[in-house]
C-alpha atoms as a PDB file:
ATOM      1  CA  MET A   1     151.335 -27.564  25.160  1.00  0.00           C
ATOM      2  CA  PRO A   2     154.056 -27.474  27.869  1.00  0.00           C
ATOM      3  CA  THR A   3     156.655 -30.306  27.901  1.00  0.00           C
ATOM      4  CA  THR A   4     158.461 -29.415  31.227  1.00  0.00           C
ATOM      5  CA  ASN A   5     157.809 -30.078  34.852  1.00  0.00           C
ATOM      6  CA  GLU A   6     156.364 -26.484  35.376  1.00  0.00           C
ATOM      7  CA  VAL A   7     152.697 -27.964  35.151  1.00  0.00           C
ATOM      8  CA  PRO A   8     151.288 -31.202  36.697  1.00  0.00           C
ATOM      9  CA  SER A   9     151.068 -34.320  34.343  1.00  0.00           C
ATOM     10  CA  PHE A  10     147.792 -35.400  32.880  1.00  0.00           C
ATOM     11  CA  SER A  11     148.064 -38.872  34.454  1.00  0.00           C
ATOM     12  CA  TRP A  12     148.609 -37.399  37.930  1.00  0.00           C
ATOM     13  CA  HIS A  13     145.382 -35.403  37.536  1.00  0.00           C
ATOM     14  CA  LYS A  14     143.426 -38.712  36.316  1.00  0.00           C
ATOM     15  CA  CYS A  15     144.782 -40.588  39.384  1.00  0.00           C
ATOM     16  CA  ALA A  16     144.228 -37.714  41.942  1.00  0.00           C
ATOM     17  CA  ILE A  17     140.640 -37.761  40.844  1.00  0.00           C
ATOM     18  CA  ARG A  18     139.952 -41.482  40.504  1.00  0.00           C
ATOM     19  CA  TYR A  19     141.589 -43.012  43.760  1.00  0.00           C
ATOM     20  CA  PRO A  20     139.464 -40.754  46.097  1.00  0.00           C
ATOM     21  CA  LEU A  21     136.484 -41.544  44.166  1.00  0.00           C
ATOM     22  CA  LEU A  22     137.102 -45.103  44.384  1.00  0.00           C
ATOM     23  CA  SER A  23     137.683 -44.811  48.123  1.00  0.00           C
ATOM     24  CA  LEU A  24     134.419 -42.946  48.582  1.00  0.00           C
ATOM     25  CA  VAL A  25     132.557 -45.634  46.840  1.00  0.00           C
ATOM     26  CA  PHE A  26     134.269 -48.483  48.891  1.00  0.00           C
ATOM     27  CA  PHE A  27     133.598 -46.733  52.253  1.00  0.00           C
ATOM     28  CA  LEU A  28     130.237 -44.923  51.799  1.00  0.00           C
ATOM     29  CA  GLU A  29     127.729 -47.440  50.501  1.00  0.00           C
ATOM     30  CA  ASN A  30     125.215 -44.675  49.427  1.00  0.00           C
ATOM     31  CA  PHE A  31     128.026 -42.690  47.275  1.00  0.00           C
ATOM     32  CA  LYS A  32     127.083 -42.998  43.759  1.00  0.00           C
ATOM     33  CA  ILE A  33     128.484 -41.071  40.655  1.00  0.00           C
ATOM     34  CA  SER A  34     126.252 -40.552  37.753  1.00  0.00           C
ATOM     35  CA  ALA A  35     127.257 -41.116  34.193  1.00  0.00           C
ATOM     36  CA  HIS A  36     126.653 -37.307  33.829  1.00  0.00           C
ATOM     37  CA  GLU A  37     129.177 -36.420  36.673  1.00  0.00           C
ATOM     38  CA  LYS A  38     131.821 -39.028  35.197  1.00  0.00           C
ATOM     39  CA  SER A  39     131.585 -37.195  31.829  1.00  0.00           C
ATOM     40  CA  ARG A  40     131.974 -33.723  33.483  1.00  0.00           C
ATOM     41  CA  ILE A  41     134.949 -34.728  35.304  1.00  0.00           C
ATOM     42  CA  ALA A  42     136.675 -36.086  32.433  1.00  0.00           C
ATOM     43  CA  THR A  43     135.913 -33.387  30.165  1.00  0.00           C
ATOM     44  CA  THR A  44     137.272 -31.058  32.772  1.00  0.00           C
ATOM     45  CA  VAL A  45     140.588 -32.786  32.918  1.00  0.00           C
ATOM     46  CA  ASP A  46     140.691 -32.915  29.287  1.00  0.00           C
ATOM     47  CA  GLU A  47     140.164 -29.153  29.107  1.00  0.00           C
ATOM     48  CA  LEU A  48     143.051 -28.765  31.312  1.00  0.00           C
ATOM     49  CA  ALA A  49     145.177 -30.493  28.960  1.00  0.00           C
ATOM     50  CA  THR A  50     144.161 -28.574  25.742  1.00  0.00           C
ATOM     51  CA  GLN A  51     144.647 -25.335  27.716  1.00  0.00           C
ATOM     52  CA  GLY A  52     148.150 -26.378  28.575  1.00  0.00           C
ATOM     53  CA  LYS A  53     147.511 -26.329  32.372  1.00  0.00           C
ATOM     54  CA  VAL A  54     148.660 -30.060  32.414  1.00  0.00           C
ATOM     55  CA  THR A  55     151.041 -31.803  30.267  1.00  0.00           C
ATOM     56  CA  THR A  56     150.430 -35.129  28.638  1.00  0.00           C
ATOM     57  CA  GLU A  57     154.189 -35.488  27.567  1.00  0.00           C
ATOM     58  CA  PRO A  58     156.135 -38.141  29.724  1.00  0.00           C
ATOM     59  CA  SER A  59     158.886 -36.373  31.807  1.00  0.00           C
ATOM     60  CA  GLN A  60     161.041 -37.131  34.713  1.00  0.00           C
ATOM     61  CA  GLN A  61     162.577 -34.774  37.225  1.00  0.00           C
ATOM     62  CA  ASN A  62     165.343 -35.753  39.662  1.00  0.00           C
ATOM     63  CA  ASN A  63     164.255 -35.253  43.181  1.00  0.00           C
ATOM     64  CA  TRP A  64     167.205 -35.580  45.246  1.00  0.00           C
ATOM     65  CA  ILE A  65     166.893 -36.823  48.711  1.00  0.00           C
ATOM     66  CA  ARG A  66     168.808 -34.647  51.149  1.00  0.00           C
ATOM     67  CA  VAL A  67     170.985 -36.352  53.745  1.00  0.00           C
ATOM     68  CA  PHE A  68     168.870 -34.972  56.552  1.00  0.00           C
ATOM     69  CA  ILE A  69     165.659 -36.484  55.231  1.00  0.00           C
ATOM     70  CA  LEU A  70     167.384 -39.707  54.526  1.00  0.00           C
ATOM     71  CA  ARG A  71     168.796 -39.691  58.297  1.00  0.00           C
ATOM     72  CA  ARG A  72     165.354 -38.990  59.648  1.00  0.00           C
ATOM     73  CA  ILE A  73     163.892 -42.026  57.719  1.00  0.00           C
ATOM     74  CA  THR A  74     166.549 -44.491  58.715  1.00  0.00           C
ATOM     75  CA  ARG A  75     166.549 -43.209  62.245  1.00  0.00           C
ATOM     76  CA  ALA A  76     162.760 -43.503  62.646  1.00  0.00           C
ATOM     77  CA  ILE A  77     162.951 -47.251  61.361  1.00  0.00           C
ATOM     78  CA  PHE A  78     165.789 -47.816  64.178  1.00  0.00           C
ATOM     79  CA  VAL A  79     163.686 -45.967  66.899  1.00  0.00           C
ATOM     80  CA  ASP A  80     160.458 -47.994  65.890  1.00  0.00           C
ATOM     81  CA  ALA A  81     162.599 -51.364  65.895  1.00  0.00           C
ATOM     82  CA  LEU A  82     164.000 -50.476  69.350  1.00  0.00           C
ATOM     83  CA  ASN A  83     160.857 -49.089  70.890  1.00  0.00           C
ATOM     84  CA  ASN A  84     158.318 -51.597  69.380  1.00  0.00           C
ATOM     85  CA  GLY A  85     160.790 -54.585  68.994  1.00  0.00           C
ATOM     86  CA  THR A  86     161.580 -56.530  65.559  1.00  0.00           C
ATOM     87  CA  LYS A  87     161.042 -60.088  64.964  1.00  0.00           C
ATOM     88  CA  ASN A  88     164.309 -60.099  62.886  1.00  0.00           C
ATOM     89  CA  TRP A  89     167.030 -57.536  62.987  1.00  0.00           C
ATOM     90  CA  ASP A  90     168.330 -58.602  59.548  1.00  0.00           C
ATOM     91  CA  VAL A  91     165.058 -57.475  57.854  1.00  0.00           C
ATOM     92  CA  THR A  92     165.209 -54.120  59.652  1.00  0.00           C
ATOM     93  CA  LEU A  93     168.823 -53.686  58.719  1.00  0.00           C
ATOM     94  CA  SER A  94     168.320 -54.746  55.207  1.00  0.00           C
ATOM     95  CA  LYS A  95     165.338 -52.230  54.828  1.00  0.00           C
ATOM     96  CA  ILE A  96     167.787 -49.438  55.942  1.00  0.00           C
ATOM     97  CA  THR A  97     170.454 -50.732  53.658  1.00  0.00           C
ATOM     98  CA  SER A  98     168.079 -50.834  50.704  1.00  0.00           C
ATOM     99  CA  ILE A  99     166.850 -47.222  51.247  1.00  0.00           C
ATOM    100  CA  ILE A 100     170.289 -45.885  51.622  1.00  0.00           C
ATOM    101  CA  LEU A 101     171.675 -47.818  48.526  1.00  0.00           C
ATOM    102  CA  THR A 102     168.824 -46.810  46.275  1.00  0.00           C
ATOM    103  CA  SER A 103     169.233 -43.330  47.320  1.00  0.00           C
ATOM    104  CA  SER A 104     172.987 -43.147  46.811  1.00  0.00           C
ATOM    105  CA  PHE A 105     172.610 -44.653  43.393  1.00  0.00           C
ATOM    106  CA  SER A 106     169.858 -42.149  42.605  1.00  0.00           C
ATOM    107  CA  ALA A 107     167.732 -44.940  41.297  1.00  0.00           C
ATOM    108  CA  ARG A 108     164.177 -46.068  41.673  1.00  0.00           C
ATOM    109  CA  ALA A 109     162.933 -48.987  43.621  1.00  0.00           C
ATOM    110  CA  GLY A 110     163.004 -51.377  40.497  1.00  0.00           C
ATOM    111  CA  ASP A 111     166.288 -50.046  38.958  1.00  0.00           C
ATOM    112  CA  ILE A 112     168.551 -52.035  41.211  1.00  0.00           C
ATOM    113  CA  LEU A 113     168.404 -55.637  39.756  1.00  0.00           C
ATOM    114  CA  THR A 114     170.681 -58.387  38.832  1.00  0.00           C
ATOM    115  CA  ASP A 115     171.509 -59.164  35.133  1.00  0.00           C
ATOM    116  CA  ARG A 116     169.851 -62.256  33.640  1.00  0.00           C
ATOM    117  CA  LEU A 117     173.193 -63.428  32.577  1.00  0.00           C
ATOM    118  CA  ASP A 118     174.386 -63.578  36.127  1.00  0.00           C
ATOM    119  CA  ASP A 119     172.546 -66.646  37.013  1.00  0.00           C
END
């Protein structure tokens, strides 16, 4: 069983199947999945894991955001605020600042928190 990032994760495949099916059930009232079809889908994903085509091991790969992508994101927020207006520039600037700080610290969204002892 592979433990590196060379194959997709098992949980990713489960979600990649689950969410479109939930959307189809929500938007199309006549769309139904039988118990047999659910079983076939689950068996297929399980077979992918036993064949080593997906991994069940948790892994984290660093995905570096390049400067030009970060520049495009922040510029798009600024252009949208300038063209469509904004209720409060403080909110717009804090969004951009949080995106830049999160990427500069190489952190995820919930990683930058204050310590409990700081209160």
